[in-house]
Amino acid sequence: MGDQALEPEAKPDPLALPTRGGRSLIGWMTPEQGALTLAGRVAEGANEQVLLDRVEAARQTVTAREPGVEQDDLLQDVPPELALFVEQLRAQENAAPFFNEGWQVKLADL
């Protein structure tokens, strides 16, 4: 076999946060924040021109919208079937400051 050095097996970063797909309203964000969001909040990837272009296209789409979009009743109370999820959120230590400030969980009809 010889004296070949074996490469150490890559280990997962214990501090890395789990990720999942989601949606963000990048058309209402600054170009920098939109690109950072598209890069998964990883600063090193947020300078990619393709991401900045996507944010700019979304911002232009927002700018081109007709004024006067009806926004009455945009926020609604959470239905009873989601109450358990709200309680789980309330139980999270990192959510306590928001609830202590009087924030409420609502559904937004986007």
PDB file of N, CA and C in Angstrom:
ATOM      1  N   MET A   1       0.799  -1.181   0.000  1.00  0.00           N
ATOM      2  CA  MET A   1       0.000   0.000   0.000  1.00  0.00           C
ATOM      3  C   MET A   1       0.846   1.251   0.000  1.00  0.00           C
ATOM      4  N   GLY A   2       1.899   1.401   0.574  1.00  0.00           N
ATOM      5  CA  GLY A   2       2.693   2.615   0.535  1.00  0.00           C
ATOM      6  C   GLY A   2       2.336   3.548   1.679  1.00  0.00           C
ATOM      7  N   ASP A   3       2.945   4.704   1.621  1.00  0.00           N
ATOM      8  CA  ASP A   3       2.786   5.680   2.691  1.00  0.00           C
ATOM      9  C   ASP A   3       1.860   6.824   2.280  1.00  0.00           C
ATOM     10  N   GLN A   4       0.780   6.510   1.627  1.00  0.00           N
ATOM     11  CA  GLN A   4      -0.148   7.557   1.227  1.00  0.00           C
ATOM     12  C   GLN A   4      -0.892   8.090   2.446  1.00  0.00           C
ATOM     13  N   ALA A   5      -0.912   9.397   2.529  1.00  0.00           N
ATOM     14  CA  ALA A   5      -1.649  10.015   3.639  1.00  0.00           C
ATOM     15  C   ALA A   5      -3.132   9.990   3.313  1.00  0.00           C
ATOM     16  N   LEU A   6      -3.897   9.543   4.253  1.00  0.00           N
ATOM     17  CA  LEU A   6      -5.334   9.535   4.073  1.00  0.00           C
ATOM     18  C   LEU A   6      -5.890  10.892   4.469  1.00  0.00           C
ATOM     19  N   GLU A   7      -6.800  11.393   3.647  1.00  0.00           N
ATOM     20  CA  GLU A   7      -7.433  12.667   3.965  1.00  0.00           C
ATOM     21  C   GLU A   7      -8.425  12.438   5.096  1.00  0.00           C
ATOM     22  N   PRO A   8      -8.416  13.340   6.068  1.00  0.00           N
ATOM     23  CA  PRO A   8      -9.388  13.165   7.154  1.00  0.00           C
ATOM     24  C   PRO A   8     -10.802  13.324   6.617  1.00  0.00           C
ATOM     25  N   GLU A   9     -11.678  12.529   7.180  1.00  0.00           N
ATOM     26  CA  GLU A   9     -13.080  12.593   6.764  1.00  0.00           C
ATOM     27  C   GLU A   9     -13.684  13.911   7.255  1.00  0.00           C
ATOM     28  N   ALA A  10     -14.390  14.580   6.358  1.00  0.00           N
ATOM     29  CA  ALA A  10     -15.009  15.853   6.728  1.00  0.00           C
ATOM     30  C   ALA A  10     -16.081  15.614   7.780  1.00  0.00           C
ATOM     31  N   LYS A  11     -16.037  16.416   8.819  1.00  0.00           N
ATOM     32  CA  LYS A  11     -17.025  16.303   9.889  1.00  0.00           C
ATOM     33  C   LYS A  11     -17.986  17.483   9.779  1.00  0.00           C
ATOM     34  N   PRO A  12     -19.250  17.273  10.079  1.00  0.00           N
ATOM     35  CA  PRO A  12     -20.198  18.390  10.042  1.00  0.00           C
ATOM     36  C   PRO A  12     -19.832  19.437  11.093  1.00  0.00           C
ATOM     37  N   ASP A  13     -20.072  20.675  10.750  1.00  0.00           N
ATOM     38  CA  ASP A  13     -19.823  21.775  11.669  1.00  0.00           C
ATOM     39  C   ASP A  13     -20.881  21.737  12.764  1.00  0.00           C
ATOM     40  N   PRO A  14     -20.482  21.547  14.032  1.00  0.00           N
ATOM     41  CA  PRO A  14     -21.481  21.458  15.106  1.00  0.00           C
ATOM     42  C   PRO A  14     -22.219  22.776  15.342  1.00  0.00           C
ATOM     43  N   LEU A  15     -21.657  23.882  14.851  1.00  0.00           N
ATOM     44  CA  LEU A  15     -22.296  25.181  15.044  1.00  0.00           C
ATOM     45  C   LEU A  15     -23.174  25.585  13.872  1.00  0.00           C
ATOM     46  N   ALA A  16     -23.163  24.790  12.811  1.00  0.00           N
ATOM     47  CA  ALA A  16     -23.969  25.125  11.636  1.00  0.00           C
ATOM     48  C   ALA A  16     -25.454  24.945  11.960  1.00  0.00           C
ATOM     49  N   LEU A  17     -26.233  25.887  11.503  1.00  0.00           N
ATOM     50  CA  LEU A  17     -27.671  25.809  11.720  1.00  0.00           C
ATOM     51  C   LEU A  17     -28.324  25.025  10.596  1.00  0.00           C
ATOM     52  N   PRO A  18     -29.356  24.264  10.893  1.00  0.00           N
ATOM     53  CA  PRO A  18     -30.061  23.561   9.825  1.00  0.00           C
ATOM     54  C   PRO A  18     -30.747  24.582   8.912  1.00  0.00           C
ATOM     55  N   THR A  19     -30.858  24.247   7.656  1.00  0.00           N
ATOM     56  CA  THR A  19     -31.509  25.142   6.708  1.00  0.00           C
ATOM     57  C   THR A  19     -32.651  24.407   6.023  1.00  0.00           C
ATOM     58  N   ARG A  20     -33.554  25.188   5.472  1.00  0.00           N
ATOM     59  CA  ARG A  20     -34.644  24.628   4.690  1.00  0.00           C
ATOM     60  C   ARG A  20     -35.075  25.686   3.699  1.00  0.00           C
ATOM     61  N   GLY A  21     -35.756  25.251   2.675  1.00  0.00           N
ATOM     62  CA  GLY A  21     -36.237  26.185   1.674  1.00  0.00           C
ATOM     63  C   GLY A  21     -37.247  27.147   2.263  1.00  0.00           C
ATOM     64  N   GLY A  22     -37.311  28.302   1.695  1.00  0.00           N
ATOM     65  CA  GLY A  22     -38.251  29.293   2.182  1.00  0.00           C
ATOM     66  C   GLY A  22     -38.454  30.382   1.140  1.00  0.00           C
ATOM     67  N   ARG A  23     -39.244  31.350   1.480  1.00  0.00           N
ATOM     68  CA  ARG A  23     -39.513  32.480   0.597  1.00  0.00           C
ATOM     69  C   ARG A  23     -39.223  33.770   1.337  1.00  0.00           C
ATOM     70  N   SER A  24     -38.708  34.727   0.610  1.00  0.00           N
ATOM     71  CA  SER A  24     -38.444  36.044   1.173  1.00  0.00           C
ATOM     72  C   SER A  24     -38.903  37.097   0.183  1.00  0.00           C
ATOM     73  N   LEU A  25     -39.319  38.214   0.688  1.00  0.00           N
ATOM     74  CA  LEU A  25     -39.784  39.307  -0.156  1.00  0.00           C
ATOM     75  C   LEU A  25     -38.600  40.192  -0.533  1.00  0.00           C
ATOM     76  N   ILE A  26     -37.717  39.653  -1.386  1.00  0.00           N
ATOM     77  CA  ILE A  26     -36.478  40.353  -1.717  1.00  0.00           C
ATOM     78  C   ILE A  26     -36.726  41.634  -2.497  1.00  0.00           C
ATOM     79  N   GLY A  27     -37.864  41.773  -3.124  1.00  0.00           N
ATOM     80  CA  GLY A  27     -38.175  42.988  -3.865  1.00  0.00           C
ATOM     81  C   GLY A  27     -38.360  44.192  -2.965  1.00  0.00           C
ATOM     82  N   TRP A  28     -38.558  43.978  -1.684  1.00  0.00           N
ATOM     83  CA  TRP A  28     -38.727  45.068  -0.730  1.00  0.00           C
ATOM     84  C   TRP A  28     -37.474  45.275   0.113  1.00  0.00           C
ATOM     85  N   MET A  29     -36.442  44.471  -0.130  1.00  0.00           N
ATOM     86  CA  MET A  29     -35.206  44.577   0.641  1.00  0.00           C
ATOM     87  C   MET A  29     -34.191  45.433  -0.102  1.00  0.00           C
ATOM     88  N   THR A  30     -33.189  45.897   0.647  1.00  0.00           N
ATOM     89  CA  THR A  30     -32.070  46.562  -0.017  1.00  0.00           C
ATOM     90  C   THR A  30     -31.348  45.507  -0.858  1.00  0.00           C
ATOM     91  N   PRO A  31     -30.610  45.917  -1.886  1.00  0.00           N
ATOM     92  CA  PRO A  31     -29.878  44.922  -2.683  1.00  0.00           C
ATOM     93  C   PRO A  31     -28.958  44.050  -1.830  1.00  0.00           C
ATOM     94  N   GLU A  32     -28.299  44.672  -0.856  1.00  0.00           N
ATOM     95  CA  GLU A  32     -27.372  43.913  -0.010  1.00  0.00           C
ATOM     96  C   GLU A  32     -28.104  42.882   0.846  1.00  0.00           C
ATOM     97  N   GLN A  33     -29.210  43.288   1.468  1.00  0.00           N
ATOM     98  CA  GLN A  33     -29.961  42.357   2.308  1.00  0.00           C
ATOM     99  C   GLN A  33     -30.619  41.256   1.479  1.00  0.00           C
ATOM    100  N   GLY A  34     -31.118  41.619   0.307  1.00  0.00           N
ATOM    101  CA  GLY A  34     -31.721  40.614  -0.563  1.00  0.00           C
ATOM    102  C   GLY A  34     -30.718  39.564  -1.010  1.00  0.00           C
ATOM    103  N   ALA A  35     -29.529  40.014  -1.413  1.00  0.00           N
ATOM    104  CA  ALA A  35     -28.484  39.070  -1.843  1.00  0.00           C
ATOM    105  C   ALA A  35     -28.034  38.206  -0.678  1.00  0.00           C
ATOM    106  N   LEU A  36     -27.909  38.806   0.503  1.00  0.00           N
ATOM    107  CA  LEU A  36     -27.526  38.031   1.687  1.00  0.00           C
ATOM    108  C   LEU A  36     -28.579  36.978   2.006  1.00  0.00           C
ATOM    109  N   THR A  37     -29.829  37.330   1.851  1.00  0.00           N
ATOM    110  CA  THR A  37     -30.915  36.367   2.075  1.00  0.00           C
ATOM    111  C   THR A  37     -30.840  35.226   1.076  1.00  0.00           C
ATOM    112  N   LEU A  38     -30.632  35.555  -0.197  1.00  0.00           N
ATOM    113  CA  LEU A  38     -30.533  34.515  -1.224  1.00  0.00           C
ATOM    114  C   LEU A  38     -29.304  33.635  -1.023  1.00  0.00           C
ATOM    115  N   ALA A  39     -28.269  34.185  -0.397  1.00  0.00           N
ATOM    116  CA  ALA A  39     -27.043  33.420  -0.131  1.00  0.00           C
ATOM    117  C   ALA A  39     -27.152  32.603   1.152  1.00  0.00           C
ATOM    118  N   GLY A  40     -28.349  32.533   1.719  1.00  0.00           N
ATOM    119  CA  GLY A  40     -28.534  31.745   2.939  1.00  0.00           C
ATOM    120  C   GLY A  40     -27.922  32.404   4.155  1.00  0.00           C
ATOM    121  N   ARG A  41     -27.832  33.746   4.135  1.00  0.00           N
ATOM    122  CA  ARG A  41     -27.256  34.545   5.218  1.00  0.00           C
ATOM    123  C   ARG A  41     -25.773  34.266   5.394  1.00  0.00           C
ATOM    124  N   VAL A  42     -25.110  33.756   4.339  1.00  0.00           N
ATOM    125  CA  VAL A  42     -23.663  33.520   4.354  1.00  0.00           C
ATOM    126  C   VAL A  42     -23.016  34.677   3.608  1.00  0.00           C
ATOM    127  N   ALA A  43     -22.302  35.518   4.346  1.00  0.00           N
ATOM    128  CA  ALA A  43     -21.768  36.759   3.784  1.00  0.00           C
ATOM    129  C   ALA A  43     -20.850  36.521   2.587  1.00  0.00           C
ATOM    130  N   GLU A  44     -20.073  35.455   2.600  1.00  0.00           N
ATOM    131  CA  GLU A  44     -19.129  35.213   1.515  1.00  0.00           C
ATOM    132  C   GLU A  44     -19.825  35.036   0.167  1.00  0.00           C
ATOM    133  N   GLY A  45     -21.048  34.525   0.159  1.00  0.00           N
ATOM    134  CA  GLY A  45     -21.748  34.294  -1.097  1.00  0.00           C
ATOM    135  C   GLY A  45     -22.637  35.445  -1.539  1.00  0.00           C
ATOM    136  N   ALA A  46     -22.796  36.447  -0.682  1.00  0.00           N
ATOM    137  CA  ALA A  46     -23.751  37.515  -0.959  1.00  0.00           C
ATOM    138  C   ALA A  46     -23.281  38.518  -2.002  1.00  0.00           C
ATOM    139  N   ASN A  47     -22.030  38.441  -2.420  1.00  0.00           N
ATOM    140  CA  ASN A  47     -21.518  39.382  -3.413  1.00  0.00           C
ATOM    141  C   ASN A  47     -21.618  38.849  -4.828  1.00  0.00           C
ATOM    142  N   GLU A  48     -22.199  37.686  -5.003  1.00  0.00           N
ATOM    143  CA  GLU A  48     -22.309  37.101  -6.343  1.00  0.00           C
ATOM    144  C   GLU A  48     -23.259  37.940  -7.191  1.00  0.00           C
ATOM    145  N   GLN A  49     -22.806  38.289  -8.390  1.00  0.00           N
ATOM    146  CA  GLN A  49     -23.585  39.162  -9.265  1.00  0.00           C
ATOM    147  C   GLN A  49     -24.931  38.546  -9.629  1.00  0.00           C
ATOM    148  N   VAL A  50     -24.994  37.231  -9.762  1.00  0.00           N
ATOM    149  CA  VAL A  50     -26.264  36.595 -10.123  1.00  0.00           C
ATOM    150  C   VAL A  50     -27.318  36.840  -9.042  1.00  0.00           C
ATOM    151  N   LEU A  51     -26.902  36.864  -7.781  1.00  0.00           N
ATOM    152  CA  LEU A  51     -27.844  37.129  -6.688  1.00  0.00           C
ATOM    153  C   LEU A  51     -28.262  38.596  -6.686  1.00  0.00           C
ATOM    154  N   LEU A  52     -27.300  39.474  -6.871  1.00  0.00           N
ATOM    155  CA  LEU A  52     -27.619  40.904  -6.932  1.00  0.00           C
ATOM    156  C   LEU A  52     -28.560  41.206  -8.096  1.00  0.00           C
ATOM    157  N   ASP A  53     -28.363  40.517  -9.220  1.00  0.00           N
ATOM    158  CA  ASP A  53     -29.245  40.700 -10.381  1.00  0.00           C
ATOM    159  C   ASP A  53     -30.672  40.235 -10.072  1.00  0.00           C
ATOM    160  N   ARG A  54     -30.804  39.119  -9.364  1.00  0.00           N
ATOM    161  CA  ARG A  54     -32.133  38.626  -9.003  1.00  0.00           C
ATOM    162  C   ARG A  54     -32.855  39.603  -8.084  1.00  0.00           C
ATOM    163  N   VAL A  55     -32.111  40.157  -7.134  1.00  0.00           N
ATOM    164  CA  VAL A  55     -32.709  41.137  -6.223  1.00  0.00           C
ATOM    165  C   VAL A  55     -33.131  42.378  -6.998  1.00  0.00           C
ATOM    166  N   GLU A  56     -32.272  42.853  -7.892  1.00  0.00           N
ATOM    167  CA  GLU A  56     -32.609  44.048  -8.671  1.00  0.00           C
ATOM    168  C   GLU A  56     -33.843  43.817  -9.536  1.00  0.00           C
ATOM    169  N   ALA A  57     -33.949  42.636 -10.135  1.00  0.00           N
ATOM    170  CA  ALA A  57     -35.132  42.329 -10.946  1.00  0.00           C
ATOM    171  C   ALA A  57     -36.394  42.329 -10.080  1.00  0.00           C
ATOM    172  N   ALA A  58     -36.294  41.774  -8.874  1.00  0.00           N
ATOM    173  CA  ALA A  58     -37.449  41.757  -7.960  1.00  0.00           C
ATOM    174  C   ALA A  58     -37.811  43.175  -7.527  1.00  0.00           C
ATOM    175  N   ARG A  59     -36.802  44.010  -7.267  1.00  0.00           N
ATOM    176  CA  ARG A  59     -37.057  45.395  -6.866  1.00  0.00           C
ATOM    177  C   ARG A  59     -37.728  46.174  -7.996  1.00  0.00           C
ATOM    178  N   GLN A  60     -37.310  45.922  -9.218  1.00  0.00           N
ATOM    179  CA  GLN A  60     -37.930  46.596 -10.361  1.00  0.00           C
ATOM    180  C   GLN A  60     -39.388  46.168 -10.528  1.00  0.00           C
ATOM    181  N   THR A  61     -39.658  44.903 -10.291  1.00  0.00           N
ATOM    182  CA  THR A  61     -41.035  44.408 -10.365  1.00  0.00           C
ATOM    183  C   THR A  61     -41.913  45.109  -9.331  1.00  0.00           C
ATOM    184  N   VAL A  62     -41.394  45.266  -8.116  1.00  0.00           N
ATOM    185  CA  VAL A  62     -42.148  45.957  -7.068  1.00  0.00           C
ATOM    186  C   VAL A  62     -42.391  47.410  -7.467  1.00  0.00           C
ATOM    187  N   THR A  63     -41.361  48.057  -7.992  1.00  0.00           N
ATOM    188  CA  THR A  63     -41.479  49.456  -8.393  1.00  0.00           C
ATOM    189  C   THR A  63     -42.522  49.636  -9.496  1.00  0.00           C
ATOM    190  N   ALA A  64     -42.656  48.647 -10.371  1.00  0.00           N
ATOM    191  CA  ALA A  64     -43.575  48.745 -11.506  1.00  0.00           C
ATOM    192  C   ALA A  64     -45.029  48.460 -11.126  1.00  0.00           C
ATOM    193  N   ARG A  65     -45.277  48.014  -9.914  1.00  0.00           N
ATOM    194  CA  ARG A  65     -46.647  47.697  -9.499  1.00  0.00           C
ATOM    195  C   ARG A  65     -47.505  48.950  -9.459  1.00  0.00           C
ATOM    196  N   GLU A  66     -48.755  48.783  -9.773  1.00  0.00           N
ATOM    197  CA  GLU A  66     -49.714  49.872  -9.678  1.00  0.00           C
ATOM    198  C   GLU A  66     -49.904  50.238  -8.214  1.00  0.00           C
ATOM    199  N   PRO A  67     -49.977  51.522  -7.900  1.00  0.00           N
ATOM    200  CA  PRO A  67     -50.229  51.906  -6.508  1.00  0.00           C
ATOM    201  C   PRO A  67     -51.662  51.560  -6.107  1.00  0.00           C
ATOM    202  N   GLY A  68     -51.879  51.493  -4.816  1.00  0.00           N
ATOM    203  CA  GLY A  68     -53.235  51.286  -4.322  1.00  0.00           C
ATOM    204  C   GLY A  68     -53.620  49.835  -4.131  1.00  0.00           C
ATOM    205  N   VAL A  69     -52.649  48.962  -3.896  1.00  0.00           N
ATOM    206  CA  VAL A  69     -52.968  47.560  -3.638  1.00  0.00           C
ATOM    207  C   VAL A  69     -53.761  47.481  -2.334  1.00  0.00           C
ATOM    208  N   GLU A  70     -54.882  46.803  -2.373  1.00  0.00           N
ATOM    209  CA  GLU A  70     -55.751  46.652  -1.199  1.00  0.00           C
ATOM    210  C   GLU A  70     -55.039  45.827  -0.139  1.00  0.00           C
ATOM    211  N   GLN A  71     -54.870  46.384   1.051  1.00  0.00           N
ATOM    212  CA  GLN A  71     -54.176  45.674   2.115  1.00  0.00           C
ATOM    213  C   GLN A  71     -55.016  45.549   3.383  1.00  0.00           C
ATOM    214  N   ASP A  72     -56.310  45.828   3.277  1.00  0.00           N
ATOM    215  CA  ASP A  72     -57.174  45.638   4.433  1.00  0.00           C
ATOM    216  C   ASP A  72     -57.236  44.156   4.784  1.00  0.00           C
ATOM    217  N   ASP A  73     -57.314  43.883   6.048  1.00  0.00           N
ATOM    218  CA  ASP A  73     -57.411  42.502   6.544  1.00  0.00           C
ATOM    219  C   ASP A  73     -56.249  41.631   6.084  1.00  0.00           C
ATOM    220  N   LEU A  74     -55.081  42.232   5.936  1.00  0.00           N
ATOM    221  CA  LEU A  74     -53.899  41.488   5.510  1.00  0.00           C
ATOM    222  C   LEU A  74     -53.465  40.494   6.587  1.00  0.00           C
ATOM    223  N   LEU A  75     -53.552  40.914   7.854  1.00  0.00           N
ATOM    224  CA  LEU A  75     -53.165  40.044   8.962  1.00  0.00           C
ATOM    225  C   LEU A  75     -54.399  39.457   9.615  1.00  0.00           C
ATOM    226  N   GLN A  76     -54.321  38.159   9.895  1.00  0.00           N
ATOM    227  CA  GLN A  76     -55.444  37.466  10.516  1.00  0.00           C
ATOM    228  C   GLN A  76     -54.951  36.693  11.727  1.00  0.00           C
ATOM    229  N   ASP A  77     -55.856  36.429  12.644  1.00  0.00           N
ATOM    230  CA  ASP A  77     -55.514  35.608  13.799  1.00  0.00           C
ATOM    231  C   ASP A  77     -55.172  34.197  13.344  1.00  0.00           C
ATOM    232  N   VAL A  78     -54.330  33.566  14.127  1.00  0.00           N
ATOM    233  CA  VAL A  78     -53.926  32.186  13.837  1.00  0.00           C
ATOM    234  C   VAL A  78     -55.098  31.266  14.115  1.00  0.00           C
ATOM    235  N   PRO A  79     -55.419  30.359  13.192  1.00  0.00           N
ATOM    236  CA  PRO A  79     -56.541  29.445  13.435  1.00  0.00           C
ATOM    237  C   PRO A  79     -56.218  28.460  14.561  1.00  0.00           C
ATOM    238  N   PRO A  80     -57.238  27.927  15.210  1.00  0.00           N
ATOM    239  CA  PRO A  80     -57.041  27.025  16.350  1.00  0.00           C
ATOM    240  C   PRO A  80     -56.137  25.836  16.042  1.00  0.00           C
ATOM    241  N   GLU A  81     -56.164  25.348  14.813  1.00  0.00           N
ATOM    242  CA  GLU A  81     -55.345  24.171  14.507  1.00  0.00           C
ATOM    243  C   GLU A  81     -53.840  24.455  14.539  1.00  0.00           C
ATOM    244  N   LEU A  82     -53.451  25.729  14.607  1.00  0.00           N
ATOM    245  CA  LEU A  82     -52.033  26.088  14.705  1.00  0.00           C
ATOM    246  C   LEU A  82     -51.632  26.509  16.118  1.00  0.00           C
ATOM    247  N   ALA A  83     -52.560  26.431  17.060  1.00  0.00           N
ATOM    248  CA  ALA A  83     -52.304  26.882  18.431  1.00  0.00           C
ATOM    249  C   ALA A  83     -51.122  26.158  19.067  1.00  0.00           C
ATOM    250  N   LEU A  84     -50.979  24.874  18.816  1.00  0.00           N
ATOM    251  CA  LEU A  84     -49.862  24.117  19.393  1.00  0.00           C
ATOM    252  C   LEU A  84     -48.532  24.669  18.908  1.00  0.00           C
ATOM    253  N   PHE A  85     -48.451  25.038  17.625  1.00  0.00           N
ATOM    254  CA  PHE A  85     -47.211  25.593  17.086  1.00  0.00           C
ATOM    255  C   PHE A  85     -46.895  26.947  17.723  1.00  0.00           C
ATOM    256  N   VAL A  86     -47.920  27.749  17.954  1.00  0.00           N
ATOM    257  CA  VAL A  86     -47.726  29.042  18.601  1.00  0.00           C
ATOM    258  C   VAL A  86     -47.221  28.840  20.024  1.00  0.00           C
ATOM    259  N   GLU A  87     -47.773  27.883  20.730  1.00  0.00           N
ATOM    260  CA  GLU A  87     -47.329  27.604  22.094  1.00  0.00           C
ATOM    261  C   GLU A  87     -45.886  27.105  22.112  1.00  0.00           C
ATOM    262  N   GLN A  88     -45.511  26.291  21.124  1.00  0.00           N
ATOM    263  CA  GLN A  88     -44.121  25.843  21.028  1.00  0.00           C
ATOM    264  C   GLN A  88     -43.190  27.031  20.787  1.00  0.00           C
ATOM    265  N   LEU A  89     -43.625  27.962  19.964  1.00  0.00           N
ATOM    266  CA  LEU A  89     -42.836  29.163  19.717  1.00  0.00           C
ATOM    267  C   LEU A  89     -42.703  29.986  20.995  1.00  0.00           C
ATOM    268  N   ARG A  90     -43.800  30.145  21.718  1.00  0.00           N
ATOM    269  CA  ARG A  90     -43.772  30.904  22.966  1.00  0.00           C
ATOM    270  C   ARG A  90     -42.821  30.270  23.988  1.00  0.00           C
ATOM    271  N   ALA A  91     -42.666  28.964  23.931  1.00  0.00           N
ATOM    272  CA  ALA A  91     -41.814  28.252  24.888  1.00  0.00           C
ATOM    273  C   ALA A  91     -40.330  28.380  24.560  1.00  0.00           C
ATOM    274  N   GLN A  92     -40.005  28.879  23.379  1.00  0.00           N
ATOM    275  CA  GLN A  92     -38.599  29.014  23.003  1.00  0.00           C
ATOM    276  C   GLN A  92     -37.998  30.240  23.680  1.00  0.00           C
ATOM    277  N   GLU A  93     -36.872  30.034  24.298  1.00  0.00           N
ATOM    278  CA  GLU A  93     -36.205  31.102  25.031  1.00  0.00           C
ATOM    279  C   GLU A  93     -35.875  32.303  24.127  1.00  0.00           C
ATOM    280  N   ASN A  94     -35.482  32.031  22.882  1.00  0.00           N
ATOM    281  CA  ASN A  94     -35.105  33.134  21.999  1.00  0.00           C
ATOM    282  C   ASN A  94     -36.309  33.922  21.481  1.00  0.00           C
ATOM    283  N   ALA A  95     -37.512  33.437  21.684  1.00  0.00           N
ATOM    284  CA  ALA A  95     -38.709  34.160  21.260  1.00  0.00           C
ATOM    285  C   ALA A  95     -39.293  35.013  22.385  1.00  0.00           C
ATOM    286  N   ALA A  96     -38.881  34.761  23.600  1.00  0.00           N
ATOM    287  CA  ALA A  96     -39.443  35.461  24.762  1.00  0.00           C
ATOM    288  C   ALA A  96     -39.353  36.986  24.651  1.00  0.00           C
ATOM    289  N   PRO A  97     -38.229  37.559  24.217  1.00  0.00           N
ATOM    290  CA  PRO A  97     -38.183  39.033  24.145  1.00  0.00           C
ATOM    291  C   PRO A  97     -39.271  39.627  23.246  1.00  0.00           C
ATOM    292  N   PHE A  98     -39.600  38.941  22.177  1.00  0.00           N
ATOM    293  CA  PHE A  98     -40.623  39.454  21.266  1.00  0.00           C
ATOM    294  C   PHE A  98     -42.006  39.417  21.914  1.00  0.00           C
ATOM    295  N   PHE A  99     -42.318  38.302  22.545  1.00  0.00           N
ATOM    296  CA  PHE A  99     -43.615  38.194  23.216  1.00  0.00           C
ATOM    297  C   PHE A  99     -43.683  39.163  24.399  1.00  0.00           C
ATOM    298  N   ASN A 100     -42.552  39.373  25.081  1.00  0.00           N
ATOM    299  CA  ASN A 100     -42.527  40.323  26.196  1.00  0.00           C
ATOM    300  C   ASN A 100     -42.775  41.755  25.722  1.00  0.00           C
ATOM    301  N   GLU A 101     -42.438  42.039  24.469  1.00  0.00           N
ATOM    302  CA  GLU A 101     -42.690  43.370  23.902  1.00  0.00           C
ATOM    303  C   GLU A 101     -44.122  43.502  23.382  1.00  0.00           C
ATOM    304  N   GLY A 102     -44.887  42.400  23.450  1.00  0.00           N
ATOM    305  CA  GLY A 102     -46.274  42.452  23.018  1.00  0.00           C
ATOM    306  C   GLY A 102     -46.499  41.958  21.593  1.00  0.00           C
ATOM    307  N   TRP A 103     -45.486  41.382  20.964  1.00  0.00           N
ATOM    308  CA  TRP A 103     -45.656  40.859  19.612  1.00  0.00           C
ATOM    309  C   TRP A 103     -46.668  39.718  19.641  1.00  0.00           C
ATOM    310  N   GLN A 104     -47.349  39.532  18.517  1.00  0.00           N
ATOM    311  CA  GLN A 104     -48.336  38.461  18.376  1.00  0.00           C
ATOM    312  C   GLN A 104     -48.043  37.678  17.111  1.00  0.00           C
ATOM    313  N   VAL A 105     -48.416  36.429  17.123  1.00  0.00           N
ATOM    314  CA  VAL A 105     -48.298  35.595  15.922  1.00  0.00           C
ATOM    315  C   VAL A 105     -49.560  35.804  15.097  1.00  0.00           C
ATOM    316  N   LYS A 106     -49.377  36.127  13.836  1.00  0.00           N
ATOM    317  CA  LYS A 106     -50.493  36.359  12.915  1.00  0.00           C
ATOM    318  C   LYS A 106     -50.195  35.667  11.602  1.00  0.00           C
ATOM    319  N   LEU A 107     -51.222  35.483  10.791  1.00  0.00           N
ATOM    320  CA  LEU A 107     -51.060  34.985   9.438  1.00  0.00           C
ATOM    321  C   LEU A 107     -51.176  36.165   8.482  1.00  0.00           C
ATOM    322  N   ALA A 108     -50.306  36.195   7.478  1.00  0.00           N
ATOM    323  CA  ALA A 108     -50.352  37.260   6.491  1.00  0.00           C
ATOM    324  C   ALA A 108     -50.786  36.677   5.156  1.00  0.00           C
ATOM    325  N   ASP A 109     -51.800  37.266   4.569  1.00  0.00           N
ATOM    326  CA  ASP A 109     -52.267  36.858   3.243  1.00  0.00           C
ATOM    327  C   ASP A 109     -51.460  37.607   2.205  1.00  0.00           C
ATOM    328  N   LEU A 110     -50.401  36.952   1.722  1.00  0.00           N
ATOM    329  CA  LEU A 110     -49.519  37.598   0.755  1.00  0.00           C
ATOM    330  C   LEU A 110     -49.973  37.312  -0.659  1.00  0.00           C
TER     331      LEU A 110
END
